[in-house]
N, C-alpha and C. Protein backbone atom coordinates (compact mmCIF):
# COMPACT_ATOMS: atom_id res chain seq x y z
N MET A 1 -59.76 11.65 16.20
CA MET A 1 -58.61 11.42 15.38
C MET A 1 -58.54 12.46 14.29
N ARG A 2 -57.32 12.80 13.93
CA ARG A 2 -57.13 13.78 12.87
C ARG A 2 -56.71 13.08 11.59
N GLY A 3 -56.92 13.68 10.48
CA GLY A 3 -56.50 13.16 9.20
C GLY A 3 -57.35 11.98 8.76
N ARG A 4 -56.82 11.22 7.88
CA ARG A 4 -57.51 10.05 7.37
C ARG A 4 -56.61 8.83 7.58
N PRO A 5 -56.79 8.12 8.68
CA PRO A 5 -55.91 7.01 8.99
C PRO A 5 -55.96 5.88 7.94
N LEU A 6 -57.11 5.62 7.37
CA LEU A 6 -57.22 4.57 6.37
C LEU A 6 -56.39 4.90 5.13
N LEU A 7 -56.41 6.17 4.70
CA LEU A 7 -55.61 6.61 3.56
C LEU A 7 -54.13 6.55 3.89
N GLU A 8 -53.74 6.93 5.11
CA GLU A 8 -52.34 6.89 5.51
C GLU A 8 -51.82 5.46 5.57
N VAL A 9 -52.62 4.51 6.03
CA VAL A 9 -52.21 3.10 6.06
C VAL A 9 -52.05 2.59 4.64
N PHE A 10 -52.96 2.95 3.74
CA PHE A 10 -52.88 2.53 2.35
C PHE A 10 -51.61 3.06 1.68
N ILE A 11 -51.28 4.32 1.91
CA ILE A 11 -50.06 4.92 1.34
C ILE A 11 -48.83 4.25 1.93
N PHE A 12 -48.84 3.97 3.24
CA PHE A 12 -47.71 3.28 3.87
C PHE A 12 -47.49 1.90 3.25
N VAL A 13 -48.54 1.15 3.02
CA VAL A 13 -48.42 -0.19 2.43
C VAL A 13 -47.89 -0.09 1.01
N LEU A 14 -48.34 0.88 0.22
CA LEU A 14 -47.84 1.06 -1.14
C LEU A 14 -46.35 1.40 -1.16
N VAL A 15 -45.92 2.32 -0.32
CA VAL A 15 -44.51 2.71 -0.28
C VAL A 15 -43.66 1.55 0.22
N TRP A 16 -44.11 0.87 1.27
CA TRP A 16 -43.36 -0.26 1.80
C TRP A 16 -43.24 -1.37 0.75
N GLY A 17 -44.29 -1.65 0.03
CA GLY A 17 -44.26 -2.67 -1.02
C GLY A 17 -43.33 -2.28 -2.15
N ALA A 18 -43.33 -1.00 -2.53
CA ALA A 18 -42.46 -0.53 -3.62
C ALA A 18 -40.99 -0.64 -3.23
N LEU A 19 -40.68 -0.46 -1.97
CA LEU A 19 -39.30 -0.58 -1.51
C LEU A 19 -38.91 -2.04 -1.23
N ALA A 20 -39.85 -2.85 -0.79
CA ALA A 20 -39.54 -4.23 -0.41
C ALA A 20 -39.41 -5.15 -1.62
N LEU A 21 -40.11 -4.87 -2.71
CA LEU A 21 -40.08 -5.75 -3.87
C LEU A 21 -38.68 -5.88 -4.49
N PRO A 22 -37.96 -4.78 -4.74
CA PRO A 22 -36.60 -4.95 -5.27
C PRO A 22 -35.67 -5.69 -4.30
N LEU A 23 -35.82 -5.42 -3.02
CA LEU A 23 -35.01 -6.12 -2.03
C LEU A 23 -35.32 -7.61 -2.03
N TRP A 24 -36.56 -7.98 -2.15
CA TRP A 24 -36.97 -9.38 -2.20
C TRP A 24 -36.40 -10.07 -3.45
N ARG A 25 -36.40 -9.35 -4.57
CA ARG A 25 -35.84 -9.92 -5.80
C ARG A 25 -34.34 -10.15 -5.69
N LEU A 26 -33.65 -9.26 -5.00
CA LEU A 26 -32.21 -9.40 -4.84
C LEU A 26 -31.82 -10.53 -3.90
N THR A 27 -32.68 -10.83 -2.95
CA THR A 27 -32.33 -11.85 -1.97
C THR A 27 -32.96 -13.19 -2.33
N ALA A 28 -34.02 -13.57 -1.68
CA ALA A 28 -34.55 -14.92 -1.80
C ALA A 28 -35.50 -15.13 -2.96
N GLY A 29 -36.23 -14.14 -3.34
CA GLY A 29 -37.31 -14.37 -4.29
C GLY A 29 -36.96 -14.25 -5.74
N GLY A 30 -35.78 -13.75 -6.05
CA GLY A 30 -35.46 -13.53 -7.46
C GLY A 30 -35.12 -14.81 -8.20
N HIS A 31 -35.13 -14.72 -9.50
CA HIS A 31 -34.80 -15.86 -10.35
C HIS A 31 -33.50 -15.60 -11.09
N ALA A 32 -32.60 -14.88 -10.46
CA ALA A 32 -31.33 -14.56 -11.11
C ALA A 32 -30.48 -15.82 -11.22
N GLU A 33 -29.78 -15.92 -12.34
CA GLU A 33 -28.90 -17.06 -12.53
C GLU A 33 -27.57 -16.79 -11.84
N VAL A 34 -27.08 -17.81 -11.17
CA VAL A 34 -25.81 -17.69 -10.47
C VAL A 34 -24.74 -18.35 -11.32
N ALA A 35 -23.69 -17.62 -11.59
CA ALA A 35 -22.59 -18.18 -12.37
C ALA A 35 -21.82 -19.16 -11.51
N ARG A 36 -21.64 -20.37 -12.00
CA ARG A 36 -20.92 -21.40 -11.25
C ARG A 36 -19.48 -21.47 -11.74
N GLN A 37 -18.61 -21.71 -10.80
CA GLN A 37 -17.21 -21.89 -11.14
C GLN A 37 -16.95 -23.36 -11.40
N ASP A 38 -16.26 -23.65 -12.47
CA ASP A 38 -15.90 -25.04 -12.75
C ASP A 38 -14.93 -25.52 -11.70
N GLU A 39 -15.11 -26.75 -11.27
CA GLU A 39 -14.20 -27.29 -10.27
C GLU A 39 -12.83 -27.56 -10.87
N ALA A 40 -12.76 -27.67 -12.18
CA ALA A 40 -11.48 -27.94 -12.84
C ALA A 40 -10.82 -26.64 -13.30
N ALA A 41 -11.22 -25.52 -12.71
CA ALA A 41 -10.64 -24.23 -13.09
C ALA A 41 -9.17 -24.20 -12.70
N PRO A 42 -8.34 -23.54 -13.49
CA PRO A 42 -6.92 -23.50 -13.15
C PRO A 42 -6.67 -22.73 -11.87
N ALA A 43 -5.60 -23.09 -11.18
CA ALA A 43 -5.27 -22.45 -9.91
C ALA A 43 -4.75 -21.03 -10.12
N LEU A 44 -4.32 -20.70 -11.34
CA LEU A 44 -3.76 -19.39 -11.62
C LEU A 44 -4.88 -18.42 -11.97
N SER A 45 -4.96 -17.35 -11.24
CA SER A 45 -5.96 -16.32 -11.52
C SER A 45 -5.33 -14.97 -11.23
N GLY A 46 -5.97 -13.94 -11.72
CA GLY A 46 -5.44 -12.60 -11.51
C GLY A 46 -6.19 -11.88 -10.42
N VAL A 47 -5.52 -10.94 -9.80
CA VAL A 47 -6.14 -10.11 -8.78
C VAL A 47 -5.68 -8.67 -9.01
N HIS A 48 -6.62 -7.76 -8.91
CA HIS A 48 -6.32 -6.34 -9.05
C HIS A 48 -5.70 -5.86 -7.75
N ALA A 49 -4.67 -5.05 -7.84
CA ALA A 49 -3.97 -4.59 -6.64
C ALA A 49 -3.45 -3.17 -6.83
N TRP A 50 -3.16 -2.54 -5.72
CA TRP A 50 -2.49 -1.24 -5.68
C TRP A 50 -1.07 -1.49 -5.23
N ALA A 51 -0.11 -1.10 -6.03
CA ALA A 51 1.31 -1.26 -5.69
C ALA A 51 1.90 0.12 -5.46
N GLU A 52 2.62 0.27 -4.36
CA GLU A 52 3.24 1.55 -4.05
C GLU A 52 4.72 1.34 -3.76
N LEU A 53 5.55 2.10 -4.46
CA LEU A 53 6.99 2.10 -4.25
C LEU A 53 7.39 3.41 -3.58
N ARG A 54 8.19 3.30 -2.53
CA ARG A 54 8.70 4.50 -1.86
C ARG A 54 10.21 4.38 -1.77
N PHE A 55 10.89 5.44 -2.22
CA PHE A 55 12.35 5.45 -2.27
C PHE A 55 12.89 6.46 -1.26
N ALA A 56 14.01 6.12 -0.61
CA ALA A 56 14.67 7.07 0.27
C ALA A 56 15.41 8.12 -0.56
N HIS A 57 16.00 7.68 -1.68
CA HIS A 57 16.68 8.57 -2.62
C HIS A 57 16.15 8.27 -4.01
N ALA A 58 16.06 9.29 -4.83
CA ALA A 58 15.53 9.11 -6.19
C ALA A 58 16.45 8.19 -6.99
N PRO A 59 15.92 7.10 -7.53
CA PRO A 59 16.75 6.18 -8.31
C PRO A 59 16.91 6.64 -9.75
N GLU A 60 17.94 6.12 -10.41
CA GLU A 60 18.11 6.35 -11.84
C GLU A 60 17.15 5.47 -12.63
N MET A 61 16.91 4.26 -12.11
CA MET A 61 16.03 3.31 -12.76
C MET A 61 15.42 2.40 -11.71
N ALA A 62 14.15 2.07 -11.92
CA ALA A 62 13.47 1.11 -11.05
C ALA A 62 12.54 0.29 -11.92
N ARG A 63 12.44 -1.00 -11.57
CA ARG A 63 11.62 -1.90 -12.38
C ARG A 63 10.96 -2.92 -11.47
N LEU A 64 9.67 -3.16 -11.73
CA LEU A 64 8.88 -4.11 -10.96
C LEU A 64 8.30 -5.12 -11.93
N VAL A 65 8.62 -6.41 -11.73
CA VAL A 65 8.25 -7.47 -12.68
C VAL A 65 7.63 -8.64 -11.92
N THR A 66 6.63 -9.26 -12.51
CA THR A 66 6.11 -10.52 -12.01
C THR A 66 6.03 -11.49 -13.17
N GLY A 67 6.78 -12.57 -13.08
CA GLY A 67 6.85 -13.52 -14.19
C GLY A 67 7.50 -12.85 -15.39
N THR A 68 6.77 -12.78 -16.49
CA THR A 68 7.28 -12.09 -17.69
C THR A 68 6.61 -10.74 -17.89
N ASN A 69 5.72 -10.36 -16.97
CA ASN A 69 4.99 -9.09 -17.09
C ASN A 69 5.70 -7.98 -16.33
N VAL A 70 5.97 -6.89 -17.03
CA VAL A 70 6.53 -5.71 -16.38
C VAL A 70 5.37 -4.92 -15.80
N LEU A 71 5.31 -4.83 -14.46
CA LEU A 71 4.23 -4.10 -13.81
C LEU A 71 4.46 -2.60 -13.86
N TRP A 72 5.71 -2.20 -13.67
CA TRP A 72 6.04 -0.77 -13.71
C TRP A 72 7.53 -0.62 -13.95
N GLU A 73 7.88 0.39 -14.73
CA GLU A 73 9.28 0.70 -14.96
C GLU A 73 9.43 2.21 -15.03
N GLY A 74 10.43 2.72 -14.37
CA GLY A 74 10.68 4.15 -14.37
C GLY A 74 12.15 4.46 -14.55
N ARG A 75 12.40 5.52 -15.27
CA ARG A 75 13.78 6.00 -15.49
C ARG A 75 13.86 7.43 -14.95
N ALA A 76 15.09 7.89 -14.72
CA ALA A 76 15.32 9.20 -14.11
C ALA A 76 14.62 10.29 -14.90
N PRO A 77 13.97 11.20 -14.27
CA PRO A 77 13.79 11.30 -12.83
C PRO A 77 12.60 10.47 -12.34
N VAL A 78 12.82 9.68 -11.31
CA VAL A 78 11.76 8.87 -10.70
C VAL A 78 11.34 9.57 -9.41
N ALA A 79 10.04 9.68 -9.21
CA ALA A 79 9.54 10.31 -7.99
C ALA A 79 9.88 9.45 -6.78
N LEU A 80 9.92 10.05 -5.60
CA LEU A 80 10.23 9.31 -4.38
C LEU A 80 9.09 8.39 -3.96
N ARG A 81 7.89 8.68 -4.44
CA ARG A 81 6.73 7.84 -4.13
C ARG A 81 5.95 7.61 -5.41
N VAL A 82 5.75 6.33 -5.78
CA VAL A 82 5.05 5.97 -7.00
C VAL A 82 3.96 4.96 -6.65
N GLY A 83 2.74 5.21 -7.11
CA GLY A 83 1.64 4.28 -6.90
C GLY A 83 1.01 3.91 -8.24
N VAL A 84 0.76 2.62 -8.44
CA VAL A 84 0.18 2.16 -9.71
C VAL A 84 -0.86 1.07 -9.44
N ASP A 85 -1.89 1.02 -10.31
CA ASP A 85 -2.84 -0.08 -10.32
C ASP A 85 -2.24 -1.18 -11.17
N VAL A 86 -2.22 -2.40 -10.64
CA VAL A 86 -1.63 -3.52 -11.36
C VAL A 86 -2.56 -4.73 -11.30
N GLN A 87 -2.37 -5.63 -12.23
CA GLN A 87 -3.05 -6.92 -12.24
C GLN A 87 -1.98 -7.96 -11.92
N LEU A 88 -2.16 -8.68 -10.81
CA LEU A 88 -1.15 -9.62 -10.35
C LEU A 88 -1.62 -11.05 -10.52
N PRO A 89 -0.72 -11.96 -10.89
CA PRO A 89 -1.08 -13.37 -10.96
C PRO A 89 -1.07 -13.97 -9.55
N LEU A 90 -2.22 -14.42 -9.09
CA LEU A 90 -2.33 -15.00 -7.75
C LEU A 90 -2.42 -16.51 -7.90
N ASN A 91 -1.36 -17.21 -7.57
CA ASN A 91 -1.30 -18.66 -7.71
C ASN A 91 -1.24 -19.28 -6.33
N GLU A 92 -2.34 -19.90 -5.90
CA GLU A 92 -2.46 -20.52 -4.58
C GLU A 92 -2.09 -19.55 -3.46
N GLY A 93 -2.52 -18.30 -3.60
CA GLY A 93 -2.27 -17.29 -2.58
C GLY A 93 -0.89 -16.67 -2.63
N ARG A 94 -0.09 -16.98 -3.65
CA ARG A 94 1.27 -16.47 -3.74
C ARG A 94 1.44 -15.57 -4.96
N ILE A 95 2.22 -14.53 -4.77
CA ILE A 95 2.55 -13.62 -5.87
C ILE A 95 4.06 -13.38 -5.84
N PRO A 96 4.79 -13.88 -6.84
CA PRO A 96 6.23 -13.59 -6.91
C PRO A 96 6.45 -12.25 -7.61
N VAL A 97 7.25 -11.40 -7.01
CA VAL A 97 7.53 -10.08 -7.56
C VAL A 97 9.04 -9.85 -7.54
N GLU A 98 9.57 -9.46 -8.69
CA GLU A 98 10.99 -9.17 -8.80
C GLU A 98 11.17 -7.66 -8.90
N ILE A 99 12.10 -7.14 -8.12
CA ILE A 99 12.36 -5.70 -8.13
C ILE A 99 13.84 -5.48 -8.42
N SER A 100 14.12 -4.46 -9.22
CA SER A 100 15.51 -4.06 -9.47
C SER A 100 15.57 -2.53 -9.48
N VAL A 101 16.59 -2.01 -8.82
CA VAL A 101 16.73 -0.56 -8.65
C VAL A 101 18.20 -0.20 -8.82
N SER A 102 18.47 0.96 -9.43
CA SER A 102 19.84 1.48 -9.47
C SER A 102 19.79 2.96 -9.08
N TRP A 103 20.68 3.30 -8.15
CA TRP A 103 20.79 4.67 -7.66
C TRP A 103 22.03 5.33 -8.25
N PRO A 104 22.07 6.65 -8.27
CA PRO A 104 23.27 7.35 -8.75
C PRO A 104 24.49 7.00 -7.90
N ALA A 105 25.68 7.19 -8.49
CA ALA A 105 26.92 6.82 -7.81
C ALA A 105 27.17 7.64 -6.54
N ASP A 106 26.68 8.88 -6.49
CA ASP A 106 26.93 9.73 -5.32
C ASP A 106 26.01 9.40 -4.14
N VAL A 107 25.05 8.48 -4.33
CA VAL A 107 24.15 8.09 -3.24
C VAL A 107 24.74 6.87 -2.55
N GLY A 108 24.85 6.93 -1.27
CA GLY A 108 25.37 5.79 -0.51
C GLY A 108 24.30 4.72 -0.34
N GLN A 109 24.24 4.18 0.84
CA GLN A 109 23.24 3.16 1.16
C GLN A 109 21.85 3.78 1.06
N SER A 110 20.93 3.08 0.39
CA SER A 110 19.58 3.59 0.22
C SER A 110 18.59 2.44 0.35
N VAL A 111 17.31 2.76 0.36
CA VAL A 111 16.27 1.74 0.55
C VAL A 111 15.07 2.05 -0.33
N VAL A 112 14.40 0.99 -0.76
CA VAL A 112 13.13 1.10 -1.46
C VAL A 112 12.15 0.19 -0.73
N GLU A 113 10.91 0.65 -0.61
CA GLU A 113 9.87 -0.14 0.04
C GLU A 113 8.74 -0.38 -0.95
N LEU A 114 8.32 -1.62 -1.09
CA LEU A 114 7.21 -1.99 -1.95
C LEU A 114 6.06 -2.45 -1.08
N THR A 115 4.89 -1.86 -1.29
CA THR A 115 3.68 -2.27 -0.59
C THR A 115 2.67 -2.73 -1.63
N LEU A 116 2.17 -3.95 -1.47
CA LEU A 116 1.14 -4.50 -2.33
C LEU A 116 -0.14 -4.63 -1.54
N GLU A 117 -1.24 -4.13 -2.13
CA GLU A 117 -2.54 -4.22 -1.49
C GLU A 117 -3.57 -4.76 -2.49
N PRO A 118 -3.69 -6.11 -2.58
CA PRO A 118 -4.67 -6.69 -3.49
C PRO A 118 -6.09 -6.44 -2.98
N ASP A 119 -7.05 -6.38 -3.91
CA ASP A 119 -8.44 -6.17 -3.54
C ASP A 119 -8.91 -7.27 -2.58
N GLY A 120 -9.45 -6.85 -1.45
CA GLY A 120 -10.01 -7.78 -0.49
C GLY A 120 -8.99 -8.48 0.40
N LEU A 121 -7.73 -8.13 0.28
CA LEU A 121 -6.68 -8.77 1.09
C LEU A 121 -5.87 -7.69 1.79
N PRO A 122 -5.27 -8.00 2.94
CA PRO A 122 -4.48 -6.99 3.65
C PRO A 122 -3.19 -6.64 2.91
N ALA A 123 -2.72 -5.44 3.14
CA ALA A 123 -1.49 -4.97 2.51
C ALA A 123 -0.28 -5.64 3.13
N GLN A 124 0.75 -5.85 2.30
CA GLN A 124 2.02 -6.38 2.76
C GLN A 124 3.14 -5.53 2.17
N SER A 125 4.22 -5.38 2.94
CA SER A 125 5.35 -4.56 2.50
C SER A 125 6.66 -5.33 2.62
N ARG A 126 7.60 -4.95 1.75
CA ARG A 126 8.96 -5.48 1.79
C ARG A 126 9.91 -4.33 1.52
N ARG A 127 11.12 -4.41 2.09
CA ARG A 127 12.13 -3.37 1.89
C ARG A 127 13.38 -3.98 1.29
N LEU A 128 14.04 -3.20 0.45
CA LEU A 128 15.29 -3.63 -0.18
C LEU A 128 16.32 -2.53 0.04
N TRP A 129 17.40 -2.89 0.73
CA TRP A 129 18.51 -1.97 0.95
C TRP A 129 19.55 -2.23 -0.11
N GLY A 130 20.20 -1.18 -0.58
CA GLY A 130 21.23 -1.37 -1.59
C GLY A 130 22.15 -0.18 -1.70
N ASN A 131 23.25 -0.39 -2.40
CA ASN A 131 24.24 0.64 -2.63
C ASN A 131 24.59 0.58 -4.12
N GLY A 132 24.18 1.56 -4.89
CA GLY A 132 24.40 1.55 -6.33
C GLY A 132 23.29 0.82 -7.04
N GLN A 133 23.37 -0.52 -7.10
CA GLN A 133 22.33 -1.33 -7.72
C GLN A 133 21.87 -2.39 -6.73
N ALA A 134 20.58 -2.72 -6.81
CA ALA A 134 20.03 -3.75 -5.95
C ALA A 134 18.89 -4.43 -6.67
N GLY A 135 18.68 -5.68 -6.34
CA GLY A 135 17.58 -6.43 -6.91
C GLY A 135 17.25 -7.61 -6.02
N ASP A 136 15.99 -8.03 -6.07
CA ASP A 136 15.57 -9.16 -5.24
C ASP A 136 14.29 -9.74 -5.81
N LEU A 137 14.01 -10.98 -5.45
CA LEU A 137 12.77 -11.65 -5.81
C LEU A 137 12.03 -11.92 -4.53
N TRP A 138 10.85 -11.32 -4.41
CA TRP A 138 10.04 -11.49 -3.21
C TRP A 138 8.83 -12.33 -3.55
N GLU A 139 8.39 -13.12 -2.60
CA GLU A 139 7.16 -13.87 -2.75
C GLU A 139 6.18 -13.42 -1.67
N PHE A 140 5.15 -12.72 -2.11
CA PHE A 140 4.11 -12.29 -1.19
C PHE A 140 3.11 -13.44 -1.09
N GLN A 141 2.58 -13.66 0.13
CA GLN A 141 1.66 -14.77 0.31
C GLN A 141 0.49 -14.34 1.16
N TRP A 142 -0.71 -14.73 0.71
CA TRP A 142 -1.94 -14.45 1.43
C TRP A 142 -2.73 -15.74 1.58
N THR A 143 -3.42 -15.87 2.71
CA THR A 143 -4.34 -16.98 2.90
C THR A 143 -5.72 -16.40 3.11
N ARG A 144 -6.70 -17.06 2.54
CA ARG A 144 -8.08 -16.56 2.66
C ARG A 144 -8.78 -17.25 3.79
């Protein structure tokens, strides 16, 4: 045999133990306190999301609102594609979002698309067609 097998086994056990100890603490062996959720917690909670607006024609004004919170508002010139990080109120898997858009008078029929992608949930999209001014109230819904 070549080398020193007893020394190599000793080094292997030391390295394996140094790597296994933190893993053991993170899983079964640690004494970390787990934060408990109160069962009487309110059903209303917030969720971080990525909201993206895409316009066929540049609007003069666009506004995205949920409840009394303005998530995003833009005035001319508004880019054809706008993405923002937002905090959305998630109430029993539902998020009501109100959108209002106004296009210049020389633009005919146009469309805006809103895509919401909350953390840990699949993306959903809605489209609004309008001529001049348009607005709608959408309710996005997710089930876990």
